[in-house]
Amino acid sequence: MIRKTILALVIAAQPAIAQDTTEPEGRGLMQQGLELFLKGFSDEMSPAMENMRKLAEEFGPAMQSFMAEMGPALADLMGQVKDWSVYEMPEVLPNGDIIIRRKPEAPPLEETPDRGTDEIEI
């Protein structure tokens, strides 16, 4: 009886012993491929990233100054315009003015509320 029990346990344990506990070959190859791809991508992008860093160092102070001066006006403009997709690209006129035209196919503007007849006399 003990002999049969041991034999049954040995036979039942065969599939568990036969299972491979190492990582599947496919996953290892996929991981190696991804690592090679990312290394190649990093090597290709390295010069461009270095150039971007140099540009940031060069133009950083000027951009900070620009944002300090123009930031509040740009924030006000962004609050007034609801949908930028209905406008053309900005255009600089010969006198230096910048205009932003509304696209011809844009829907009509909402009617502005009547502010009444409160006039200020000077």
PDB file of N, CA and C in Angstrom:
ATOM      1  N   MET A   1       0.811  -1.188   0.000  1.00  0.00           N
ATOM      2  CA  MET A   1       0.000   0.000   0.000  1.00  0.00           C
ATOM      3  C   MET A   1       0.862   1.262   0.000  1.00  0.00           C
ATOM      4  N   ILE A   2       1.872   1.277   0.803  1.00  0.00           N
ATOM      5  CA  ILE A   2       2.768   2.423   0.835  1.00  0.00           C
ATOM      6  C   ILE A   2       3.482   2.553  -0.503  1.00  0.00           C
ATOM      7  N   ARG A   3       3.834   1.424  -1.067  1.00  0.00           N
ATOM      8  CA  ARG A   3       4.517   1.419  -2.365  1.00  0.00           C
ATOM      9  C   ARG A   3       3.633   2.063  -3.437  1.00  0.00           C
ATOM     10  N   LYS A   4       2.346   1.742  -3.440  1.00  0.00           N
ATOM     11  CA  LYS A   4       1.421   2.311  -4.415  1.00  0.00           C
ATOM     12  C   LYS A   4       1.242   3.815  -4.183  1.00  0.00           C
ATOM     13  N   THR A   5       1.198   4.223  -2.929  1.00  0.00           N
ATOM     14  CA  THR A   5       1.042   5.640  -2.601  1.00  0.00           C
ATOM     15  C   THR A   5       2.264   6.423  -3.067  1.00  0.00           C
ATOM     16  N   ILE A   6       3.443   5.885  -2.811  1.00  0.00           N
ATOM     17  CA  ILE A   6       4.672   6.556  -3.246  1.00  0.00           C
ATOM     18  C   ILE A   6       4.731   6.620  -4.761  1.00  0.00           C
ATOM     19  N   LEU A   7       4.349   5.533  -5.409  1.00  0.00           N
ATOM     20  CA  LEU A   7       4.331   5.505  -6.874  1.00  0.00           C
ATOM     21  C   LEU A   7       3.351   6.541  -7.423  1.00  0.00           C
ATOM     22  N   ALA A   8       2.183   6.667  -6.796  1.00  0.00           N
ATOM     23  CA  ALA A   8       1.186   7.653  -7.235  1.00  0.00           C
ATOM     24  C   ALA A   8       1.707   9.076  -7.031  1.00  0.00           C
ATOM     25  N   LEU A   9       2.379   9.313  -5.914  1.00  0.00           N
ATOM     26  CA  LEU A   9       2.941  10.648  -5.655  1.00  0.00           C
ATOM     27  C   LEU A   9       4.047  10.988  -6.651  1.00  0.00           C
ATOM     28  N   VAL A  10       4.885  10.019  -6.977  1.00  0.00           N
ATOM     29  CA  VAL A  10       5.967  10.248  -7.939  1.00  0.00           C
ATOM     30  C   VAL A  10       5.397  10.553  -9.313  1.00  0.00           C
ATOM     31  N   ILE A  11       4.378   9.793  -9.713  1.00  0.00           N
ATOM     32  CA  ILE A  11       3.758  10.025 -11.022  1.00  0.00           C
ATOM     33  C   ILE A  11       3.065  11.387 -11.045  1.00  0.00           C
ATOM     34  N   ALA A  12       2.403  11.770  -9.958  1.00  0.00           N
ATOM     35  CA  ALA A  12       1.711  13.061  -9.890  1.00  0.00           C
ATOM     36  C   ALA A  12       2.705  14.218  -9.889  1.00  0.00           C
ATOM     37  N   ALA A  13       3.890  13.991  -9.333  1.00  0.00           N
ATOM     38  CA  ALA A  13       4.886  15.062  -9.255  1.00  0.00           C
ATOM     39  C   ALA A  13       5.640  15.257 -10.560  1.00  0.00           C
ATOM     40  N   GLN A  14       5.572  14.310 -11.489  1.00  0.00           N
ATOM     41  CA  GLN A  14       6.309  14.401 -12.754  1.00  0.00           C
ATOM     42  C   GLN A  14       6.023  15.696 -13.521  1.00  0.00           C
ATOM     43  N   PRO A  15       4.748  16.109 -13.740  1.00  0.00           N
ATOM     44  CA  PRO A  15       4.509  17.354 -14.488  1.00  0.00           C
ATOM     45  C   PRO A  15       5.079  18.584 -13.783  1.00  0.00           C
ATOM     46  N   ALA A  16       5.017  18.612 -12.453  1.00  0.00           N
ATOM     47  CA  ALA A  16       5.543  19.756 -11.718  1.00  0.00           C
ATOM     48  C   ALA A  16       7.054  19.842 -11.847  1.00  0.00           C
ATOM     49  N   ILE A  17       7.726  18.694 -11.841  1.00  0.00           N
ATOM     50  CA  ILE A  17       9.179  18.677 -11.987  1.00  0.00           C
ATOM     51  C   ILE A  17       9.573  19.076 -13.400  1.00  0.00           C
ATOM     52  N   ALA A  18       8.776  18.660 -14.368  1.00  0.00           N
ATOM     53  CA  ALA A  18       9.103  18.924 -15.770  1.00  0.00           C
ATOM     54  C   ALA A  18       8.896  20.386 -16.167  1.00  0.00           C
ATOM     55  N   GLN A  19       8.120  21.150 -15.391  1.00  0.00           N
ATOM     56  CA  GLN A  19       7.866  22.543 -15.756  1.00  0.00           C
ATOM     57  C   GLN A  19       9.144  23.353 -15.650  1.00  0.00           C
ATOM     58  N   ASP A  20       9.344  24.202 -16.633  1.00  0.00           N
ATOM     59  CA  ASP A  20      10.530  25.056 -16.673  1.00  0.00           C
ATOM     60  C   ASP A  20      10.257  26.299 -15.842  1.00  0.00           C
ATOM     61  N   THR A  21      11.131  26.595 -14.894  1.00  0.00           N
ATOM     62  CA  THR A  21      10.932  27.762 -14.039  1.00  0.00           C
ATOM     63  C   THR A  21      11.652  28.988 -14.569  1.00  0.00           C
ATOM     64  N   THR A  22      12.377  28.851 -15.665  1.00  0.00           N
ATOM     65  CA  THR A  22      13.071  30.010 -16.230  1.00  0.00           C
ATOM     66  C   THR A  22      12.091  30.860 -17.026  1.00  0.00           C
ATOM     67  N   GLU A  23      12.512  32.077 -17.314  1.00  0.00           N
ATOM     68  CA  GLU A  23      11.688  33.022 -18.070  1.00  0.00           C
ATOM     69  C   GLU A  23      11.505  32.518 -19.498  1.00  0.00           C
ATOM     70  N   PRO A  24      10.308  32.644 -20.053  1.00  0.00           N
ATOM     71  CA  PRO A  24      10.105  32.193 -21.432  1.00  0.00           C
ATOM     72  C   PRO A  24      11.013  32.945 -22.401  1.00  0.00           C
ATOM     73  N   GLU A  25      11.452  32.244 -23.442  1.00  0.00           N
ATOM     74  CA  GLU A  25      12.389  32.809 -24.418  1.00  0.00           C
ATOM     75  C   GLU A  25      11.796  34.017 -25.135  1.00  0.00           C
ATOM     76  N   GLY A  26      10.509  33.962 -25.453  1.00  0.00           N
ATOM     77  CA  GLY A  26       9.872  35.053 -26.189  1.00  0.00           C
ATOM     78  C   GLY A  26       9.915  36.364 -25.435  1.00  0.00           C
ATOM     79  N   ARG A  27       9.649  36.330 -24.161  1.00  0.00           N
ATOM     80  CA  ARG A  27       9.650  37.563 -23.371  1.00  0.00           C
ATOM     81  C   ARG A  27      11.058  38.142 -23.286  1.00  0.00           C
ATOM     82  N   GLY A  28      12.047  37.295 -23.137  1.00  0.00           N
ATOM     83  CA  GLY A  28      13.425  37.770 -23.074  1.00  0.00           C
ATOM     84  C   GLY A  28      13.842  38.441 -24.368  1.00  0.00           C
ATOM     85  N   LEU A  29      13.439  37.870 -25.497  1.00  0.00           N
ATOM     86  CA  LEU A  29      13.768  38.476 -26.792  1.00  0.00           C
ATOM     87  C   LEU A  29      13.046  39.800 -26.978  1.00  0.00           C
ATOM     88  N   MET A  30      11.788  39.865 -26.547  1.00  0.00           N
ATOM     89  CA  MET A  30      11.032  41.115 -26.660  1.00  0.00           C
ATOM     90  C   MET A  30      11.683  42.203 -25.807  1.00  0.00           C
ATOM     91  N   GLN A  31      12.101  41.839 -24.615  1.00  0.00           N
ATOM     92  CA  GLN A  31      12.732  42.807 -23.731  1.00  0.00           C
ATOM     93  C   GLN A  31      14.054  43.291 -24.322  1.00  0.00           C
ATOM     94  N   GLN A  32      14.845  42.370 -24.872  1.00  0.00           N
ATOM     95  CA  GLN A  32      16.110  42.761 -25.508  1.00  0.00           C
ATOM     96  C   GLN A  32      15.855  43.667 -26.701  1.00  0.00           C
ATOM     97  N   GLY A  33      14.843  43.346 -27.494  1.00  0.00           N
ATOM     98  CA  GLY A  33      14.514  44.175 -28.649  1.00  0.00           C
ATOM     99  C   GLY A  33      14.109  45.570 -28.235  1.00  0.00           C
ATOM    100  N   LEU A  34      13.291  45.664 -27.192  1.00  0.00           N
ATOM    101  CA  LEU A  34      12.865  46.971 -26.701  1.00  0.00           C
ATOM    102  C   LEU A  34      14.048  47.763 -26.163  1.00  0.00           C
ATOM    103  N   GLU A  35      14.931  47.101 -25.431  1.00  0.00           N
ATOM    104  CA  GLU A  35      16.112  47.782 -24.903  1.00  0.00           C
ATOM    105  C   GLU A  35      16.996  48.299 -26.036  1.00  0.00           C
ATOM    106  N   LEU A  36      17.189  47.488 -27.075  1.00  0.00           N
ATOM    107  CA  LEU A  36      17.993  47.928 -28.223  1.00  0.00           C
ATOM    108  C   LEU A  36      17.337  49.102 -28.943  1.00  0.00           C
ATOM    109  N   PHE A  37      16.014  49.046 -29.097  1.00  0.00           N
ATOM    110  CA  PHE A  37      15.292  50.137 -29.745  1.00  0.00           C
ATOM    111  C   PHE A  37      15.454  51.431 -28.956  1.00  0.00           C
ATOM    112  N   LEU A  38      15.247  51.361 -27.639  1.00  0.00           N
ATOM    113  CA  LEU A  38      15.356  52.564 -26.812  1.00  0.00           C
ATOM    114  C   LEU A  38      16.782  53.103 -26.786  1.00  0.00           C
ATOM    115  N   LYS A  39      17.774  52.220 -26.785  1.00  0.00           N
ATOM    116  CA  LYS A  39      19.167  52.675 -26.817  1.00  0.00           C
ATOM    117  C   LYS A  39      19.456  53.378 -28.138  1.00  0.00           C
ATOM    118  N   GLY A  40      19.009  52.798 -29.250  1.00  0.00           N
ATOM    119  CA  GLY A  40      19.203  53.432 -30.554  1.00  0.00           C
ATOM    120  C   GLY A  40      18.495  54.766 -30.641  1.00  0.00           C
ATOM    121  N   PHE A  41      17.274  54.814 -30.120  1.00  0.00           N
ATOM    122  CA  PHE A  41      16.511  56.065 -30.122  1.00  0.00           C
ATOM    123  C   PHE A  41      17.228  57.124 -29.300  1.00  0.00           C
ATOM    124  N   SER A  42      17.730  56.724 -28.146  1.00  0.00           N
ATOM    125  CA  SER A  42      18.459  57.652 -27.282  1.00  0.00           C
ATOM    126  C   SER A  42      19.723  58.158 -27.969  1.00  0.00           C
ATOM    127  N   ASP A  43      20.448  57.266 -28.633  1.00  0.00           N
ATOM    128  CA  ASP A  43      21.667  57.670 -29.340  1.00  0.00           C
ATOM    129  C   ASP A  43      21.353  58.646 -30.472  1.00  0.00           C
ATOM    130  N   GLU A  44      20.256  58.413 -31.196  1.00  0.00           N
ATOM    131  CA  GLU A  44      19.875  59.292 -32.305  1.00  0.00           C
ATOM    132  C   GLU A  44      19.409  60.657 -31.806  1.00  0.00           C
ATOM    133  N   MET A  45      18.720  60.685 -30.674  1.00  0.00           N
ATOM    134  CA  MET A  45      18.149  61.930 -30.164  1.00  0.00           C
ATOM    135  C   MET A  45      19.133  62.740 -29.334  1.00  0.00           C
ATOM    136  N   SER A  46      20.228  62.149 -28.936  1.00  0.00           N
ATOM    137  CA  SER A  46      21.182  62.823 -28.065  1.00  0.00           C
ATOM    138  C   SER A  46      21.682  64.153 -28.633  1.00  0.00           C
ATOM    139  N   PRO A  47      22.116  64.236 -29.902  1.00  0.00           N
ATOM    140  CA  PRO A  47      22.568  65.535 -30.424  1.00  0.00           C
ATOM    141  C   PRO A  47      21.448  66.578 -30.459  1.00  0.00           C
ATOM    142  N   ALA A  48      20.250  66.167 -30.819  1.00  0.00           N
ATOM    143  CA  ALA A  48      19.131  67.112 -30.862  1.00  0.00           C
ATOM    144  C   ALA A  48      18.808  67.626 -29.464  1.00  0.00           C
ATOM    145  N   MET A  49      18.854  66.757 -28.478  1.00  0.00           N
ATOM    146  CA  MET A  49      18.573  67.178 -27.107  1.00  0.00           C
ATOM    147  C   MET A  49      19.654  68.126 -26.594  1.00  0.00           C
ATOM    148  N   GLU A  50      20.888  67.888 -26.990  1.00  0.00           N
ATOM    149  CA  GLU A  50      21.977  68.785 -26.597  1.00  0.00           C
ATOM    150  C   GLU A  50      21.771  70.164 -27.219  1.00  0.00           C
ATOM    151  N   ASN A  51      21.367  70.205 -28.492  1.00  0.00           N
ATOM    152  CA  ASN A  51      21.087  71.488 -29.144  1.00  0.00           C
ATOM    153  C   ASN A  51      19.933  72.210 -28.464  1.00  0.00           C
ATOM    154  N   MET A  52      18.905  71.472 -28.069  1.00  0.00           N
ATOM    155  CA  MET A  52      17.769  72.085 -27.368  1.00  0.00           C
ATOM    156  C   MET A  52      18.214  72.666 -26.031  1.00  0.00           C
ATOM    157  N   ARG A  53      19.090  71.967 -25.337  1.00  0.00           N
ATOM    158  CA  ARG A  53      19.581  72.467 -24.052  1.00  0.00           C
ATOM    159  C   ARG A  53      20.341  73.769 -24.244  1.00  0.00           C
ATOM    160  N   LYS A  54      21.182  73.819 -25.297  1.00  0.00           N
ATOM    161  CA  LYS A  54      21.944  75.037 -25.575  1.00  0.00           C
ATOM    162  C   LYS A  54      21.017  76.197 -25.922  1.00  0.00           C
ATOM    163  N   LEU A  55      19.980  75.926 -26.731  1.00  0.00           N
ATOM    164  CA  LEU A  55      19.017  76.975 -27.073  1.00  0.00           C
ATOM    165  C   LEU A  55      18.287  77.477 -25.839  1.00  0.00           C
ATOM    166  N   ALA A  56      17.926  76.570 -24.955  1.00  0.00           N
ATOM    167  CA  ALA A  56      17.233  76.965 -23.731  1.00  0.00           C
ATOM    168  C   ALA A  56      18.124  77.851 -22.870  1.00  0.00           C
ATOM    169  N   GLU A  57      19.410  77.513 -22.793  1.00  0.00           N
ATOM    170  CA  GLU A  57      20.334  78.348 -22.031  1.00  0.00           C
ATOM    171  C   GLU A  57      20.482  79.724 -22.667  1.00  0.00           C
ATOM    172  N   GLU A  58      20.496  79.776 -24.004  1.00  0.00           N
ATOM    173  CA  GLU A  58      20.686  81.034 -24.716  1.00  0.00           C
ATOM    174  C   GLU A  58      19.451  81.933 -24.637  1.00  0.00           C
ATOM    175  N   PHE A  59      18.265  81.343 -24.856  1.00  0.00           N
ATOM    176  CA  PHE A  59      17.049  82.150 -24.922  1.00  0.00           C
ATOM    177  C   PHE A  59      16.267  82.185 -23.614  1.00  0.00           C
ATOM    178  N   GLY A  60      16.689  81.442 -22.630  1.00  0.00           N
ATOM    179  CA  GLY A  60      15.963  81.377 -21.365  1.00  0.00           C
ATOM    180  C   GLY A  60      15.728  82.726 -20.717  1.00  0.00           C
ATOM    181  N   PRO A  61      16.767  83.537 -20.502  1.00  0.00           N
ATOM    182  CA  PRO A  61      16.550  84.838 -19.865  1.00  0.00           C
ATOM    183  C   PRO A  61      15.629  85.756 -20.677  1.00  0.00           C
ATOM    184  N   ALA A  62      15.765  85.750 -22.002  1.00  0.00           N
ATOM    185  CA  ALA A  62      14.908  86.598 -22.837  1.00  0.00           C
ATOM    186  C   ALA A  62      13.454  86.146 -22.741  1.00  0.00           C
ATOM    187  N   MET A  63      13.220  84.832 -22.718  1.00  0.00           N
ATOM    188  CA  MET A  63      11.849  84.326 -22.610  1.00  0.00           C
ATOM    189  C   MET A  63      11.243  84.654 -21.249  1.00  0.00           C
ATOM    190  N   GLN A  64      12.044  84.594 -20.200  1.00  0.00           N
ATOM    191  CA  GLN A  64      11.537  84.945 -18.878  1.00  0.00           C
ATOM    192  C   GLN A  64      11.132  86.409 -18.836  1.00  0.00           C
ATOM    193  N   SER A  65      11.945  87.263 -19.441  1.00  0.00           N
ATOM    194  CA  SER A  65      11.621  88.686 -19.492  1.00  0.00           C
ATOM    195  C   SER A  65      10.347  88.918 -20.298  1.00  0.00           C
ATOM    196  N   PHE A  66      10.232  88.247 -21.445  1.00  0.00           N
ATOM    197  CA  PHE A  66       9.040  88.384 -22.288  1.00  0.00           C
ATOM    198  C   PHE A  66       7.788  87.959 -21.522  1.00  0.00           C
ATOM    199  N   MET A  67       7.852  86.828 -20.840  1.00  0.00           N
ATOM    200  CA  MET A  67       6.680  86.339 -20.114  1.00  0.00           C
ATOM    201  C   MET A  67       6.332  87.248 -18.939  1.00  0.00           C
ATOM    202  N   ALA A  68       7.342  87.846 -18.312  1.00  0.00           N
ATOM    203  CA  ALA A  68       7.059  88.759 -17.208  1.00  0.00           C
ATOM    204  C   ALA A  68       6.320  89.996 -17.712  1.00  0.00           C
ATOM    205  N   GLU A  69       6.705  90.485 -18.906  1.00  0.00           N
ATOM    206  CA  GLU A  69       6.070  91.685 -19.449  1.00  0.00           C
ATOM    207  C   GLU A  69       4.736  91.380 -20.124  1.00  0.00           C
ATOM    208  N   MET A  70       4.685  90.317 -20.911  1.00  0.00           N
ATOM    209  CA  MET A  70       3.502  90.040 -21.726  1.00  0.00           C
ATOM    210  C   MET A  70       2.546  89.022 -21.103  1.00  0.00           C
ATOM    211  N   GLY A  71       2.975  88.343 -20.071  1.00  0.00           N
ATOM    212  CA  GLY A  71       2.145  87.300 -19.468  1.00  0.00           C
ATOM    213  C   GLY A  71       0.749  87.749 -19.084  1.00  0.00           C
ATOM    214  N   PRO A  72       0.609  88.859 -18.343  1.00  0.00           N
ATOM    215  CA  PRO A  72      -0.741  89.296 -17.966  1.00  0.00           C
ATOM    216  C   PRO A  72      -1.625  89.626 -19.170  1.00  0.00           C
ATOM    217  N   ALA A  73      -1.059  90.276 -20.196  1.00  0.00           N
ATOM    218  CA  ALA A  73      -1.850  90.614 -21.385  1.00  0.00           C
ATOM    219  C   ALA A  73      -2.262  89.347 -22.133  1.00  0.00           C
ATOM    220  N   LEU A  74      -1.367  88.375 -22.235  1.00  0.00           N
ATOM    221  CA  LEU A  74      -1.707  87.118 -22.908  1.00  0.00           C
ATOM    222  C   LEU A  74      -2.770  86.344 -22.131  1.00  0.00           C
ATOM    223  N   ALA A  75      -2.682  86.371 -20.820  1.00  0.00           N
ATOM    224  CA  ALA A  75      -3.691  85.687 -20.000  1.00  0.00           C
ATOM    225  C   ALA A  75      -5.057  86.334 -20.196  1.00  0.00           C
ATOM    226  N   ASP A  76      -5.093  87.662 -20.283  1.00  0.00           N
ATOM    227  CA  ASP A  76      -6.351  88.374 -20.526  1.00  0.00           C
ATOM    228  C   ASP A  76      -6.918  88.001 -21.891  1.00  0.00           C
ATOM    229  N   LEU A  77      -6.056  87.958 -22.909  1.00  0.00           N
ATOM    230  CA  LEU A  77      -6.489  87.597 -24.258  1.00  0.00           C
ATOM    231  C   LEU A  77      -7.021  86.163 -24.292  1.00  0.00           C
ATOM    232  N   MET A  78      -6.358  85.256 -23.612  1.00  0.00           N
ATOM    233  CA  MET A  78      -6.803  83.862 -23.578  1.00  0.00           C
ATOM    234  C   MET A  78      -8.170  83.747 -22.908  1.00  0.00           C
ATOM    235  N   GLY A  79      -8.434  84.595 -21.927  1.00  0.00           N
ATOM    236  CA  GLY A  79      -9.732  84.580 -21.257  1.00  0.00           C
ATOM    237  C   GLY A  79     -10.849  85.120 -22.134  1.00  0.00           C
ATOM    238  N   GLN A  80     -10.529  86.032 -23.045  1.00  0.00           N
ATOM    239  CA  GLN A  80     -11.548  86.638 -23.902  1.00  0.00           C
ATOM    240  C   GLN A  80     -11.904  85.763 -25.093  1.00  0.00           C
ATOM    241  N   VAL A  81     -10.953  85.010 -25.620  1.00  0.00           N
ATOM    242  CA  VAL A  81     -11.200  84.187 -26.807  1.00  0.00           C
ATOM    243  C   VAL A  81     -11.578  82.777 -26.354  1.00  0.00           C
ATOM    244  N   LYS A  82     -12.763  82.343 -26.752  1.00  0.00           N
ATOM    245  CA  LYS A  82     -13.252  81.025 -26.333  1.00  0.00           C
ATOM    246  C   LYS A  82     -12.721  79.897 -27.216  1.00  0.00           C
ATOM    247  N   ASP A  83     -12.662  80.125 -28.546  1.00  0.00           N
ATOM    248  CA  ASP A  83     -12.288  79.061 -29.481  1.00  0.00           C
ATOM    249  C   ASP A  83     -11.301  79.609 -30.511  1.00  0.00           C
ATOM    250  N   TRP A  84     -10.034  79.252 -30.372  1.00  0.00           N
ATOM    251  CA  TRP A  84      -9.002  79.766 -31.277  1.00  0.00           C
ATOM    252  C   TRP A  84      -9.088  79.144 -32.667  1.00  0.00           C
ATOM    253  N   SER A  85      -9.822  78.064 -32.826  1.00  0.00           N
ATOM    254  CA  SER A  85      -9.878  77.403 -34.131  1.00  0.00           C
ATOM    255  C   SER A  85     -10.677  78.196 -35.160  1.00  0.00           C
ATOM    256  N   VAL A  86     -11.426  79.203 -34.738  1.00  0.00           N
ATOM    257  CA  VAL A  86     -12.214  79.999 -35.688  1.00  0.00           C
ATOM    258  C   VAL A  86     -11.453  81.236 -36.165  1.00  0.00           C
ATOM    259  N   TYR A  87     -10.167  81.334 -35.825  1.00  0.00           N
ATOM    260  CA  TYR A  87      -9.358  82.488 -36.217  1.00  0.00           C
ATOM    261  C   TYR A  87      -8.203  82.064 -37.117  1.00  0.00           C
ATOM    262  N   GLU A  88      -7.794  82.974 -37.993  1.00  0.00           N
ATOM    263  CA  GLU A  88      -6.639  82.759 -38.868  1.00  0.00           C
ATOM    264  C   GLU A  88      -5.363  82.948 -38.057  1.00  0.00           C
ATOM    265  N   MET A  89      -4.228  82.676 -38.702  1.00  0.00           N
ATOM    266  CA  MET A  89      -2.931  82.929 -38.071  1.00  0.00           C
ATOM    267  C   MET A  89      -2.746  84.437 -37.908  1.00  0.00           C
ATOM    268  N   PRO A  90      -2.059  84.879 -36.864  1.00  0.00           N
ATOM    269  CA  PRO A  90      -1.808  86.319 -36.713  1.00  0.00           C
ATOM    270  C   PRO A  90      -1.037  86.867 -37.907  1.00  0.00           C
ATOM    271  N   GLU A  91      -1.301  88.120 -38.214  1.00  0.00           N
ATOM    272  CA  GLU A  91      -0.696  88.769 -39.375  1.00  0.00           C
ATOM    273  C   GLU A  91      -0.114  90.111 -38.927  1.00  0.00           C
ATOM    274  N   VAL A  92       1.120  90.386 -39.319  1.00  0.00           N
ATOM    275  CA  VAL A  92       1.763  91.652 -38.966  1.00  0.00           C
ATOM    276  C   VAL A  92       1.576  92.625 -40.128  1.00  0.00           C
ATOM    277  N   LEU A  93       0.982  93.772 -39.839  1.00  0.00           N
ATOM    278  CA  LEU A  93       0.758  94.797 -40.857  1.00  0.00           C
ATOM    279  C   LEU A  93       2.023  95.625 -41.045  1.00  0.00           C
ATOM    280  N   PRO A  94       2.137  96.369 -42.163  1.00  0.00           N
ATOM    281  CA  PRO A  94       3.334  97.184 -42.406  1.00  0.00           C
ATOM    282  C   PRO A  94       3.630  98.194 -41.291  1.00  0.00           C
ATOM    283  N   ASN A  95       2.584  98.672 -40.611  1.00  0.00           N
ATOM    284  CA  ASN A  95       2.817  99.645 -39.536  1.00  0.00           C
ATOM    285  C   ASN A  95       3.194  98.982 -38.209  1.00  0.00           C
ATOM    286  N   GLY A  96       3.280  97.634 -38.190  1.00  0.00           N
ATOM    287  CA  GLY A  96       3.690  96.926 -36.984  1.00  0.00           C
ATOM    288  C   GLY A  96       2.539  96.358 -36.179  1.00  0.00           C
ATOM    289  N   ASP A  97       1.305  96.741 -36.521  1.00  0.00           N
ATOM    290  CA  ASP A  97       0.153  96.188 -35.815  1.00  0.00           C
ATOM    291  C   ASP A  97       0.022  94.696 -36.123  1.00  0.00           C
ATOM    292  N   ILE A  98      -0.509  93.973 -35.182  1.00  0.00           N
ATOM    293  CA  ILE A  98      -0.757  92.543 -35.369  1.00  0.00           C
ATOM    294  C   ILE A  98      -2.265  92.337 -35.337  1.00  0.00           C
ATOM    295  N   ILE A  99      -2.790  91.701 -36.388  1.00  0.00           N
ATOM    296  CA  ILE A  99      -4.222  91.426 -36.420  1.00  0.00           C
ATOM    297  C   ILE A  99      -4.447  89.920 -36.499  1.00  0.00           C
ATOM    298  N   ILE A 100      -5.560  89.513 -35.941  1.00  0.00           N
ATOM    299  CA  ILE A 100      -5.960  88.108 -36.003  1.00  0.00           C
ATOM    300  C   ILE A 100      -7.363  88.101 -36.597  1.00  0.00           C
ATOM    301  N   ARG A 101      -7.453  87.669 -37.855  1.00  0.00           N
ATOM    302  CA  ARG A 101      -8.739  87.684 -38.553  1.00  0.00           C
ATOM    303  C   ARG A 101      -9.551  86.439 -38.205  1.00  0.00           C
ATOM    304  N   ARG A 102     -10.856  86.628 -38.231  1.00  0.00           N
ATOM    305  CA  ARG A 102     -11.782  85.516 -38.035  1.00  0.00           C
ATOM    306  C   ARG A 102     -11.934  84.777 -39.361  1.00  0.00           C
ATOM    307  N   LYS A 103     -11.966  83.446 -39.339  1.00  0.00           N
ATOM    308  CA  LYS A 103     -12.112  82.656 -40.561  1.00  0.00           C
ATOM    309  C   LYS A 103     -13.494  82.908 -41.167  1.00  0.00           C
ATOM    310  N   PRO A 104     -13.574  82.959 -42.512  1.00  0.00           N
ATOM    311  CA  PRO A 104     -14.867  83.221 -43.152  1.00  0.00           C
ATOM    312  C   PRO A 104     -15.919  82.146 -42.843  1.00  0.00           C
ATOM    313  N   GLU A 105     -15.505  80.903 -42.680  1.00  0.00           N
ATOM    314  CA  GLU A 105     -16.466  79.829 -42.419  1.00  0.00           C
ATOM    315  C   GLU A 105     -16.833  79.697 -40.941  1.00  0.00           C
ATOM    316  N   ALA A 106     -16.308  80.576 -40.095  1.00  0.00           N
ATOM    317  CA  ALA A 106     -16.590  80.514 -38.662  1.00  0.00           C
ATOM    318  C   ALA A 106     -18.054  80.873 -38.394  1.00  0.00           C
ATOM    319  N   PRO A 107     -18.650  80.259 -37.382  1.00  0.00           N
ATOM    320  CA  PRO A 107     -20.036  80.608 -37.051  1.00  0.00           C
ATOM    321  C   PRO A 107     -20.116  82.062 -36.585  1.00  0.00           C
ATOM    322  N   PRO A 108     -21.281  82.675 -36.720  1.00  0.00           N
ATOM    323  CA  PRO A 108     -21.400  84.081 -36.315  1.00  0.00           C
ATOM    324  C   PRO A 108     -21.151  84.252 -34.818  1.00  0.00           C
ATOM    325  N   LEU A 109     -20.684  85.437 -34.476  1.00  0.00           N
ATOM    326  CA  LEU A 109     -20.433  85.752 -33.075  1.00  0.00           C
ATOM    327  C   LEU A 109     -21.745  85.846 -32.319  1.00  0.00           C
ATOM    328  N   GLU A 110     -21.682  85.556 -31.030  1.00  0.00           N
ATOM    329  CA  GLU A 110     -22.862  85.726 -30.187  1.00  0.00           C
ATOM    330  C   GLU A 110     -23.141  87.218 -30.064  1.00  0.00           C
ATOM    331  N   GLU A 111     -24.411  87.547 -29.952  1.00  0.00           N
ATOM    332  CA  GLU A 111     -24.770  88.955 -29.779  1.00  0.00           C
ATOM    333  C   GLU A 111     -24.263  89.427 -28.423  1.00  0.00           C
ATOM    334  N   THR A 112     -23.688  90.612 -28.408  1.00  0.00           N
ATOM    335  CA  THR A 112     -23.231  91.180 -27.143  1.00  0.00           C
ATOM    336  C   THR A 112     -24.429  91.795 -26.437  1.00  0.00           C
ATOM    337  N   PRO A 113     -24.499  91.650 -25.143  1.00  0.00           N
ATOM    338  CA  PRO A 113     -25.646  92.223 -24.421  1.00  0.00           C
ATOM    339  C   PRO A 113     -25.642  93.745 -24.523  1.00  0.00           C
ATOM    340  N   ASP A 114     -26.831  94.321 -24.602  1.00  0.00           N
ATOM    341  CA  ASP A 114     -26.970  95.772 -24.682  1.00  0.00           C
ATOM    342  C   ASP A 114     -26.605  96.359 -23.327  1.00  0.00           C
ATOM    343  N   ARG A 115     -25.684  97.265 -23.323  1.00  0.00           N
ATOM    344  CA  ARG A 115     -25.220  97.840 -22.058  1.00  0.00           C
ATOM    345  C   ARG A 115     -26.074  99.029 -21.631  1.00  0.00           C
ATOM    346  N   GLY A 116     -27.133  99.264 -22.337  1.00  0.00           N
ATOM    347  CA  GLY A 116     -28.008 100.375 -21.958  1.00  0.00           C
ATOM    348  C   GLY A 116     -27.557 101.672 -22.605  1.00  0.00           C
ATOM    349  N   THR A 117     -28.176 102.727 -22.206  1.00  0.00           N
ATOM    350  CA  THR A 117     -27.859 104.036 -22.793  1.00  0.00           C
ATOM    351  C   THR A 117     -27.078 104.897 -21.828  1.00  0.00           C
ATOM    352  N   ASP A 118     -26.413 104.263 -20.895  1.00  0.00           N
ATOM    353  CA  ASP A 118     -25.607 105.041 -19.946  1.00  0.00           C
ATOM    354  C   ASP A 118     -24.421 105.636 -20.679  1.00  0.00           C
ATOM    355  N   GLU A 119     -24.509 106.920 -20.930  1.00  0.00           N
ATOM    356  CA  GLU A 119     -23.422 107.608 -21.617  1.00  0.00           C
ATOM    357  C   GLU A 119     -22.709 108.513 -20.636  1.00  0.00           C
ATOM    358  N   ILE A 120     -21.441 108.638 -20.877  1.00  0.00           N
ATOM    359  CA  ILE A 120     -20.643 109.523 -20.043  1.00  0.00           C
ATOM    360  C   ILE A 120     -20.384 110.785 -20.839  1.00  0.00           C
ATOM    361  N   GLU A 121     -20.774 111.908 -20.276  1.00  0.00           N
ATOM    362  CA  GLU A 121     -20.530 113.178 -20.957  1.00  0.00           C
ATOM    363  C   GLU A 121     -19.233 113.768 -20.452  1.00  0.00           C
ATOM    364  N   ILE A 122     -18.504 114.313 -21.380  1.00  0.00           N
ATOM    365  CA  ILE A 122     -17.220 114.904 -21.009  1.00  0.00           C
ATOM    366  C   ILE A 122     -17.331 116.401 -21.062  1.00  0.00           C
TER     367      ILE A 122
END
